Amino acid sequence: MEKYNVTLEQFHQDGFIAVKPLFDDSAITDIKNNVQRFVHDVVPTLPAARVYYEDRNDPTTLKQVQKIFEYDNYFEALMLQSVVREIAENLLQDDVIPINMQYFNKPPGNNTPTPAHQDGFYFHLNPCEAVTGWLALDDVDEENGCVHYVRGSHHSTQLRPHGKTGVLGFSQGITDFGTPTDNNNSVCLPGPAGTFLMHHARTIHFAGANQSLDRSRRALGFIYYAKRAREDIAAKTAYQAQLDTQLAQTGKI
């Protein structure tokens, strides 16, 4: 881990790590070119439940794509065989189960912030041992919606209460967020394209809207469960079915 200028101790203390950058300009250009290819060639063929649009009738409003590593050899290799999986295994101190690779898009002028949440609420794991990686495909800062973490928030084994947010792709958010502890320990993580973040499933995180008028905020997300974690399949299936129904009714998928 030290070769990335991060340590396991930092992760245990803070609940996240940041490598700025993990991928150099050449590697990021290759990843972005393949994202563009995937969006153009593969996304139109995907099941509706895998693709989220702000307006289903307007392809330019693409916001999020799920499970992209299951539909493309390039992203399968990035998910299963790259340094990202190596970092996940180091942080969790376990073999990992690759669960999801997501594409996120916040186009210029997107006014929707990402609500404060804990990924573990969506995962339904016992024990809640998983990590999420976040790879910036564009330069990120406060203006275009960089990620914020609440340092040390993963130490509590109890997830915070969550409720419906109405935000596409982040349907549940922390209902009591904004305590003095939250505010005093919140840190923002700006960085150049290629910046890589990874956080524990209990770490509280959020992001602002993209207030830039000419800069995108695109990213890839990587979710890995520790092999020792056990998933409540019934609870997760029920949650996903309810979510898909809501998205279909509102024309988002």
Foldseek 3Di string as FASTA:
>chain_A
DCVQVDDLVQCQQFQKDKRFFPDDPVVLVVVVVVVVVCLVPPVVVDDPLQWFAPALVDSVRTFKGKAVLVPDVVVVCVQPPDVVLVVFCRNLVFRKDWDMKMKGKAAAPFQDKFAKAFQLVLFQKVQQWKKKKKAWSAFDDQQAKFKKWQTPQLPDSDAADWDADPDPPRGIHHPPPDPPSSVVRIDTDTHGGNMMMMGGRRIIMIIGHNNHRHDMTMIMMTMIGGPPMDHPVVVNVVVSVVVSVVCVVVNGD
